[in-house]
Amino acid sequence: MERLLLWLGRIGGVVGVLLCAIAMLARLRGIYTLQGFQVGTLLLAGIGAMVLGCLGYLAAIAEGRPTGR
Protein backbone atom coordinates (compact mmCIF):
# COMPACT_ATOMS: atom_id res chain seq x y z
CA MET A 1 0.00 0.00 0.00
CA GLU A 2 2.87 2.33 0.78
CA ARG A 3 4.30 1.93 -2.73
CA LEU A 4 0.90 2.68 -4.27
CA LEU A 5 0.64 5.89 -2.25
CA LEU A 6 4.15 6.91 -3.27
CA TRP A 7 3.32 6.41 -6.95
CA LEU A 8 0.06 8.31 -6.48
CA GLY A 9 2.08 11.17 -5.02
CA ARG A 10 4.62 11.14 -7.83
CA ILE A 11 2.09 10.97 -10.64
CA GLY A 12 -0.15 13.59 -9.05
CA GLY A 13 2.78 15.94 -8.59
CA VAL A 14 4.05 15.58 -12.15
CA VAL A 15 0.60 15.99 -13.68
CA GLY A 16 -0.05 19.00 -11.47
CA VAL A 17 3.19 20.73 -12.40
CA LEU A 18 2.55 20.09 -16.10
CA LEU A 19 -0.99 21.47 -15.95
CA CYS A 20 0.15 24.56 -14.04
CA ALA A 21 2.99 25.14 -16.50
CA ILE A 22 0.64 24.81 -19.48
CA ALA A 23 -1.82 27.24 -17.89
CA MET A 24 0.96 29.70 -17.07
CA LEU A 25 2.44 29.61 -20.58
CA ALA A 26 -0.97 29.97 -22.20
CA ARG A 27 -1.83 32.93 -20.03
CA LEU A 28 1.51 34.61 -20.76
CA ARG A 29 0.78 34.26 -24.48
CA GLY A 30 -2.62 35.93 -24.00
CA ILE A 31 -4.68 32.78 -24.57
CA TYR A 32 -7.73 32.49 -22.32
CA THR A 33 -9.05 29.09 -23.44
CA LEU A 34 -7.39 25.82 -24.45
CA GLN A 35 -9.48 23.08 -26.10
CA GLY A 36 -12.65 24.53 -24.61
CA PHE A 37 -11.28 24.87 -21.06
CA GLN A 38 -10.54 28.20 -19.47
CA VAL A 39 -6.92 28.63 -18.45
CA GLY A 40 -7.97 29.29 -14.85
CA THR A 41 -9.70 25.92 -14.77
CA LEU A 42 -6.51 24.21 -15.94
CA LEU A 43 -4.57 26.04 -13.23
CA LEU A 44 -7.04 24.89 -10.57
CA ALA A 45 -6.85 21.31 -11.86
CA GLY A 46 -3.06 21.50 -11.64
CA ILE A 47 -3.19 22.78 -8.09
CA GLY A 48 -5.65 20.01 -7.19
CA ALA A 49 -3.36 17.37 -8.70
CA MET A 50 -0.40 18.71 -6.71
CA VAL A 51 -2.47 18.62 -3.52
CA LEU A 52 -3.39 15.02 -4.32
CA GLY A 53 0.32 14.28 -4.75
CA CYS A 54 1.12 15.87 -1.39
CA LEU A 55 -1.61 13.88 0.33
CA GLY A 56 -0.32 10.68 -1.29
CA TYR A 57 3.16 11.32 0.07
CA LEU A 58 1.78 12.23 3.49
CA ALA A 59 -0.26 9.03 3.65
CA ALA A 60 2.81 7.00 2.60
CA ILE A 61 4.84 8.60 5.38
CA ALA A 62 2.09 7.97 7.93
CA GLU A 63 1.69 4.36 6.79
CA GLY A 64 5.40 3.61 7.03
CA ARG A 65 5.81 5.06 10.49
CA PRO A 66 5.36 2.67 13.46
CA THR A 67 2.48 3.61 15.77
CA GLY A 68 4.20 2.51 18.98
CA ARG A 69 1.70 -0.26 19.81
PDB file of N, CA and C in Angstrom:
ATOM      1  N   MET A   1       0.824  -1.191   0.000  1.00  0.00           N
ATOM      2  CA  MET A   1       0.000   0.000   0.000  1.00  0.00           C
ATOM      3  C   MET A   1       0.871   1.260   0.000  1.00  0.00           C
ATOM      4  N   GLU A   2       1.985   1.171   0.712  1.00  0.00           N
ATOM      5  CA  GLU A   2       2.865   2.331   0.781  1.00  0.00           C
ATOM      6  C   GLU A   2       3.433   2.686  -0.597  1.00  0.00           C
ATOM      7  N   ARG A   3       3.777   1.672  -1.385  1.00  0.00           N
ATOM      8  CA  ARG A   3       4.299   1.929  -2.733  1.00  0.00           C
ATOM      9  C   ARG A   3       3.237   2.553  -3.627  1.00  0.00           C
ATOM     10  N   LEU A   4       1.989   2.112  -3.487  1.00  0.00           N
ATOM     11  CA  LEU A   4       0.901   2.684  -4.267  1.00  0.00           C
ATOM     12  C   LEU A   4       0.715   4.164  -3.929  1.00  0.00           C
ATOM     13  N   LEU A   5       0.786   4.494  -2.660  1.00  0.00           N
ATOM     14  CA  LEU A   5       0.636   5.889  -2.248  1.00  0.00           C
ATOM     15  C   LEU A   5       1.796   6.748  -2.743  1.00  0.00           C
ATOM     16  N   LEU A   6       3.004   6.177  -2.739  1.00  0.00           N
ATOM     17  CA  LEU A   6       4.147   6.909  -3.267  1.00  0.00           C
ATOM     18  C   LEU A   6       3.980   7.199  -4.757  1.00  0.00           C
ATOM     19  N   TRP A   7       3.525   6.204  -5.512  1.00  0.00           N
ATOM     20  CA  TRP A   7       3.315   6.412  -6.945  1.00  0.00           C
ATOM     21  C   TRP A   7       2.182   7.391  -7.192  1.00  0.00           C
ATOM     22  N   LEU A   8       1.140   7.342  -6.370  1.00  0.00           N
ATOM     23  CA  LEU A   8       0.062   8.314  -6.475  1.00  0.00           C
ATOM     24  C   LEU A   8       0.600   9.724  -6.254  1.00  0.00           C
ATOM     25  N   GLY A   9       1.477   9.874  -5.284  1.00  0.00           N
ATOM     26  CA  GLY A   9       2.082  11.173  -5.018  1.00  0.00           C
ATOM     27  C   GLY A   9       2.944  11.650  -6.165  1.00  0.00           C
ATOM     28  N   ARG A  10       3.739  10.763  -6.720  1.00  0.00           N
ATOM     29  CA  ARG A  10       4.622  11.140  -7.829  1.00  0.00           C
ATOM     30  C   ARG A  10       3.830  11.526  -9.071  1.00  0.00           C
ATOM     31  N   ILE A  11       2.878  10.707  -9.426  1.00  0.00           N
ATOM     32  CA  ILE A  11       2.086  10.972 -10.635  1.00  0.00           C
ATOM     33  C   ILE A  11       1.248  12.240 -10.461  1.00  0.00           C
ATOM     34  N   GLY A  12       0.642  12.380  -9.305  1.00  0.00           N
ATOM     35  CA  GLY A  12      -0.149  13.588  -9.047  1.00  0.00           C
ATOM     36  C   GLY A  12       0.694  14.847  -9.103  1.00  0.00           C
ATOM     37  N   GLY A  13       1.900  14.780  -8.561  1.00  0.00           N
ATOM     38  CA  GLY A  13       2.784  15.944  -8.590  1.00  0.00           C
ATOM     39  C   GLY A  13       3.220  16.306  -9.991  1.00  0.00           C
ATOM     40  N   VAL A  14       3.594  15.318 -10.776  1.00  0.00           N
ATOM     41  CA  VAL A  14       4.052  15.584 -12.147  1.00  0.00           C
ATOM     42  C   VAL A  14       2.917  16.127 -13.003  1.00  0.00           C
ATOM     43  N   VAL A  15       1.757  15.511 -12.907  1.00  0.00           N
ATOM     44  CA  VAL A  15       0.601  15.989 -13.685  1.00  0.00           C
ATOM     45  C   VAL A  15       0.227  17.410 -13.258  1.00  0.00           C
ATOM     46  N   GLY A  16       0.277  17.663 -11.964  1.00  0.00           N
ATOM     47  CA  GLY A  16      -0.051  18.997 -11.466  1.00  0.00           C
ATOM     48  C   GLY A  16       0.913  20.064 -11.955  1.00  0.00           C
ATOM     49  N   VAL A  17       2.201  19.761 -11.916  1.00  0.00           N
ATOM     50  CA  VAL A  17       3.187  20.727 -12.398  1.00  0.00           C
ATOM     51  C   VAL A  17       3.008  20.975 -13.895  1.00  0.00           C
ATOM     52  N   LEU A  18       2.753  19.919 -14.656  1.00  0.00           N
ATOM     53  CA  LEU A  18       2.553  20.091 -16.101  1.00  0.00           C
ATOM     54  C   LEU A  18       1.321  20.947 -16.399  1.00  0.00           C
ATOM     55  N   LEU A  19       0.214  20.677 -15.720  1.00  0.00           N
ATOM     56  CA  LEU A  19      -0.993  21.471 -15.948  1.00  0.00           C
ATOM     57  C   LEU A  19      -0.791  22.930 -15.568  1.00  0.00           C
ATOM     58  N   CYS A  20      -0.113  23.175 -14.457  1.00  0.00           N
ATOM     59  CA  CYS A  20       0.153  24.556 -14.044  1.00  0.00           C
ATOM     60  C   CYS A  20       1.074  25.259 -15.037  1.00  0.00           C
ATOM     61  N   ALA A  21       2.083  24.545 -15.531  1.00  0.00           N
ATOM     62  CA  ALA A  21       2.995  25.144 -16.503  1.00  0.00           C
ATOM     63  C   ALA A  21       2.276  25.468 -17.813  1.00  0.00           C
ATOM     64  N   ILE A  22       1.410  24.562 -18.260  1.00  0.00           N
ATOM     65  CA  ILE A  22       0.641  24.812 -19.481  1.00  0.00           C
ATOM     66  C   ILE A  22      -0.264  26.024 -19.294  1.00  0.00           C
ATOM     67  N   ALA A  23      -0.930  26.107 -18.155  1.00  0.00           N
ATOM     68  CA  ALA A  23      -1.817  27.240 -17.889  1.00  0.00           C
ATOM     69  C   ALA A  23      -1.027  28.545 -17.815  1.00  0.00           C
ATOM     70  N   MET A  24       0.142  28.503 -17.196  1.00  0.00           N
ATOM     71  CA  MET A  24       0.961  29.701 -17.072  1.00  0.00           C
ATOM     72  C   MET A  24       1.449  30.172 -18.446  1.00  0.00           C
ATOM     73  N   LEU A  25       1.949  29.241 -19.257  1.00  0.00           N
ATOM     74  CA  LEU A  25       2.445  29.607 -20.583  1.00  0.00           C
ATOM     75  C   LEU A  25       1.326  30.130 -21.487  1.00  0.00           C
ATOM     76  N   ALA A  26       0.161  29.503 -21.397  1.00  0.00           N
ATOM     77  CA  ALA A  26      -0.967  29.965 -22.204  1.00  0.00           C
ATOM     78  C   ALA A  26      -1.378  31.372 -21.791  1.00  0.00           C
ATOM     79  N   ARG A  27      -1.420  31.611 -20.509  1.00  0.00           N
ATOM     80  CA  ARG A  27      -1.829  32.930 -20.026  1.00  0.00           C
ATOM     81  C   ARG A  27      -0.808  34.003 -20.407  1.00  0.00           C
ATOM     82  N   LEU A  28       0.480  33.651 -20.363  1.00  0.00           N
ATOM     83  CA  LEU A  28       1.506  34.611 -20.758  1.00  0.00           C
ATOM     84  C   LEU A  28       1.425  34.955 -22.243  1.00  0.00           C
ATOM     85  N   ARG A  29       0.936  34.021 -23.046  1.00  0.00           N
ATOM     86  CA  ARG A  29       0.776  34.264 -24.482  1.00  0.00           C
ATOM     87  C   ARG A  29      -0.537  34.990 -24.798  1.00  0.00           C
ATOM     88  N   GLY A  30      -1.371  35.208 -23.793  1.00  0.00           N
ATOM     89  CA  GLY A  30      -2.623  35.928 -24.000  1.00  0.00           C
ATOM     90  C   GLY A  30      -3.777  35.029 -24.399  1.00  0.00           C
ATOM     91  N   ILE A  31      -3.626  33.735 -24.227  1.00  0.00           N
ATOM     92  CA  ILE A  31      -4.682  32.779 -24.567  1.00  0.00           C
ATOM     93  C   ILE A  31      -5.529  32.539 -23.309  1.00  0.00           C
ATOM     94  N   TYR A  32      -6.837  32.651 -23.459  1.00  0.00           N
ATOM     95  CA  TYR A  32      -7.729  32.487 -22.316  1.00  0.00           C
ATOM     96  C   TYR A  32      -8.405  31.121 -22.279  1.00  0.00           C
ATOM     97  N   THR A  33      -8.450  30.422 -23.406  1.00  0.00           N
ATOM     98  CA  THR A  33      -9.055  29.088 -23.437  1.00  0.00           C
ATOM     99  C   THR A  33      -8.150  28.137 -24.214  1.00  0.00           C
ATOM    100  N   LEU A  34      -8.126  26.889 -23.775  1.00  0.00           N
ATOM    101  CA  LEU A  34      -7.395  25.819 -24.452  1.00  0.00           C
ATOM    102  C   LEU A  34      -8.324  24.625 -24.588  1.00  0.00           C
ATOM    103  N   GLN A  35      -8.624  24.237 -25.823  1.00  0.00           N
ATOM    104  CA  GLN A  35      -9.478  23.083 -26.099  1.00  0.00           C
ATOM    105  C   GLN A  35     -10.814  23.161 -25.359  1.00  0.00           C
ATOM    106  N   GLY A  36     -11.351  24.358 -25.238  1.00  0.00           N
ATOM    107  CA  GLY A  36     -12.649  24.531 -24.607  1.00  0.00           C
ATOM    108  C   GLY A  36     -12.601  24.726 -23.100  1.00  0.00           C
ATOM    109  N   PHE A  37     -11.428  24.654 -22.502  1.00  0.00           N
ATOM    110  CA  PHE A  37     -11.280  24.871 -21.060  1.00  0.00           C
ATOM    111  C   PHE A  37     -10.658  26.236 -20.822  1.00  0.00           C
ATOM    112  N   GLN A  38     -11.165  26.941 -19.831  1.00  0.00           N
ATOM    113  CA  GLN A  38     -10.539  28.204 -19.471  1.00  0.00           C
ATOM    114  C   GLN A  38      -9.195  27.918 -18.810  1.00  0.00           C
ATOM    115  N   VAL A  39      -8.260  28.819 -18.987  1.00  0.00           N
ATOM    116  CA  VAL A  39      -6.916  28.628 -18.450  1.00  0.00           C
ATOM    117  C   VAL A  39      -6.954  28.571 -16.918  1.00  0.00           C
ATOM    118  N   GLY A  40      -7.837  29.331 -16.309  1.00  0.00           N
ATOM    119  CA  GLY A  40      -7.972  29.289 -14.847  1.00  0.00           C
ATOM    120  C   GLY A  40      -8.424  27.924 -14.359  1.00  0.00           C
ATOM    121  N   THR A  41      -9.262  27.267 -15.135  1.00  0.00           N
ATOM    122  CA  THR A  41      -9.702  25.922 -14.773  1.00  0.00           C
ATOM    123  C   THR A  41      -8.547  24.938 -14.831  1.00  0.00           C
ATOM    124  N   LEU A  42      -7.687  25.079 -15.846  1.00  0.00           N
ATOM    125  CA  LEU A  42      -6.511  24.211 -15.935  1.00  0.00           C
ATOM    126  C   LEU A  42      -5.561  24.458 -14.761  1.00  0.00           C
ATOM    127  N   LEU A  43      -5.416  25.718 -14.374  1.00  0.00           N
ATOM    128  CA  LEU A  43      -4.570  26.036 -13.228  1.00  0.00           C
ATOM    129  C   LEU A  43      -5.120  25.403 -11.957  1.00  0.00           C
ATOM    130  N   LEU A  44      -6.424  25.491 -11.759  1.00  0.00           N
ATOM    131  CA  LEU A  44      -7.036  24.886 -10.567  1.00  0.00           C
ATOM    132  C   LEU A  44      -6.913  23.364 -10.589  1.00  0.00           C
ATOM    133  N   ALA A  45      -7.031  22.759 -11.759  1.00  0.00           N
ATOM    134  CA  ALA A  45      -6.847  21.311 -11.865  1.00  0.00           C
ATOM    135  C   ALA A  45      -5.410  20.935 -11.536  1.00  0.00           C
ATOM    136  N   GLY A  46      -4.455  21.748 -11.968  1.00  0.00           N
ATOM    137  CA  GLY A  46      -3.058  21.498 -11.640  1.00  0.00           C
ATOM    138  C   GLY A  46      -2.786  21.614 -10.153  1.00  0.00           C
ATOM    139  N   ILE A  47      -3.359  22.615  -9.527  1.00  0.00           N
ATOM    140  CA  ILE A  47      -3.192  22.775  -8.089  1.00  0.00           C
ATOM    141  C   ILE A  47      -3.821  21.602  -7.353  1.00  0.00           C
ATOM    142  N   GLY A  48      -4.989  21.165  -7.809  1.00  0.00           N
ATOM    143  CA  GLY A  48      -5.647  20.007  -7.190  1.00  0.00           C
ATOM    144  C   GLY A  48      -4.820  18.739  -7.331  1.00  0.00           C
ATOM    145  N   ALA A  49      -4.204  18.557  -8.495  1.00  0.00           N
ATOM    146  CA  ALA A  49      -3.360  17.372  -8.698  1.00  0.00           C
ATOM    147  C   ALA A  49      -2.126  17.417  -7.799  1.00  0.00           C
ATOM    148  N   MET A  50      -1.555  18.606  -7.613  1.00  0.00           N
ATOM    149  CA  MET A  50      -0.399  18.712  -6.715  1.00  0.00           C
ATOM    150  C   MET A  50      -0.800  18.455  -5.262  1.00  0.00           C
ATOM    151  N   VAL A  51      -1.975  18.906  -4.871  1.00  0.00           N
ATOM    152  CA  VAL A  51      -2.467  18.622  -3.516  1.00  0.00           C
ATOM    153  C   VAL A  51      -2.680  17.121  -3.338  1.00  0.00           C
ATOM    154  N   LEU A  52      -3.228  16.469  -4.368  1.00  0.00           N
ATOM    155  CA  LEU A  52      -3.388  15.017  -4.322  1.00  0.00           C
ATOM    156  C   LEU A  52      -2.033  14.330  -4.162  1.00  0.00           C
ATOM    157  N   GLY A  53      -1.028  14.824  -4.877  1.00  0.00           N
ATOM    158  CA  GLY A  53       0.316  14.279  -4.747  1.00  0.00           C
ATOM    159  C   GLY A  53       0.872  14.450  -3.337  1.00  0.00           C
ATOM    160  N   CYS A  54       0.663  15.625  -2.767  1.00  0.00           N
ATOM    161  CA  CYS A  54       1.124  15.870  -1.393  1.00  0.00           C
ATOM    162  C   CYS A  54       0.424  14.952  -0.398  1.00  0.00           C
ATOM    163  N   LEU A  55      -0.874  14.763  -0.578  1.00  0.00           N
ATOM    164  CA  LEU A  55      -1.611  13.878   0.327  1.00  0.00           C
ATOM    165  C   LEU A  55      -1.172  12.427   0.165  1.00  0.00           C
ATOM    166  N   GLY A  56      -0.827  12.024  -1.068  1.00  0.00           N
ATOM    167  CA  GLY A  56      -0.320  10.677  -1.287  1.00  0.00           C
ATOM    168  C   GLY A  56       0.996  10.455  -0.557  1.00  0.00           C
ATOM    169  N   TYR A  57       1.900  11.424  -0.653  1.00  0.00           N
ATOM    170  CA  TYR A  57       3.163  11.318   0.068  1.00  0.00           C
ATOM    171  C   TYR A  57       2.942  11.325   1.581  1.00  0.00           C
ATOM    172  N   LEU A  58       2.062  12.173   2.057  1.00  0.00           N
ATOM    173  CA  LEU A  58       1.775  12.233   3.490  1.00  0.00           C
ATOM    174  C   LEU A  58       1.220  10.914   3.999  1.00  0.00           C
ATOM    175  N   ALA A  59       0.309  10.313   3.242  1.00  0.00           N
ATOM    176  CA  ALA A  59      -0.257   9.025   3.645  1.00  0.00           C
ATOM    177  C   ALA A  59       0.805   7.932   3.622  1.00  0.00           C
ATOM    178  N   ALA A  60       1.730   7.991   2.658  1.00  0.00           N
ATOM    179  CA  ALA A  60       2.814   6.999   2.599  1.00  0.00           C
ATOM    180  C   ALA A  60       3.729   7.137   3.802  1.00  0.00           C
ATOM    181  N   ILE A  61       4.007   8.379   4.204  1.00  0.00           N
ATOM    182  CA  ILE A  61       4.840   8.596   5.381  1.00  0.00           C
ATOM    183  C   ILE A  61       4.132   8.089   6.631  1.00  0.00           C
ATOM    184  N   ALA A  62       2.848   8.396   6.752  1.00  0.00           N
ATOM    185  CA  ALA A  62       2.095   7.972   7.930  1.00  0.00           C
ATOM    186  C   ALA A  62       1.950   6.453   7.980  1.00  0.00           C
ATOM    187  N   GLU A  63       1.835   5.814   6.823  1.00  0.00           N
ATOM    188  CA  GLU A  63       1.686   4.363   6.786  1.00  0.00           C
ATOM    189  C   GLU A  63       2.993   3.655   7.143  1.00  0.00           C
ATOM    190  N   GLY A  64       4.112   4.238   6.778  1.00  0.00           N
ATOM    191  CA  GLY A  64       5.401   3.609   7.032  1.00  0.00           C
ATOM    192  C   GLY A  64       5.919   3.809   8.432  1.00  0.00           C
ATOM    193  N   ARG A  65       5.357   4.731   9.154  1.00  0.00           N
ATOM    194  CA  ARG A  65       5.812   5.060  10.491  1.00  0.00           C
ATOM    195  C   ARG A  65       5.168   4.120  11.517  1.00  0.00           C
ATOM    196  N   PRO A  66       5.949   3.546  12.427  1.00  0.00           N
ATOM    197  CA  PRO A  66       5.360   2.671  13.461  1.00  0.00           C
ATOM    198  C   PRO A  66       4.504   3.492  14.431  1.00  0.00           C
ATOM    199  N   THR A  67       3.418   2.896  14.894  1.00  0.00           N
ATOM    200  CA  THR A  67       2.481   3.608  15.767  1.00  0.00           C
ATOM    201  C   THR A  67       2.855   3.494  17.239  1.00  0.00           C
ATOM    202  N   GLY A  68       3.785   2.638  17.599  1.00  0.00           N
ATOM    203  CA  GLY A  68       4.198   2.505  18.981  1.00  0.00           C
ATOM    204  C   GLY A  68       3.357   1.511  19.774  1.00  0.00           C
ATOM    205  N   ARG A  69       2.533   0.713  19.109  1.00  0.00           N
ATOM    206  CA  ARG A  69       1.699  -0.265  19.811  1.00  0.00           C
ATOM    207  C   ARG A  69       2.429  -1.538  20.013  1.00  0.00           C
TER     208      ARG A  69
END
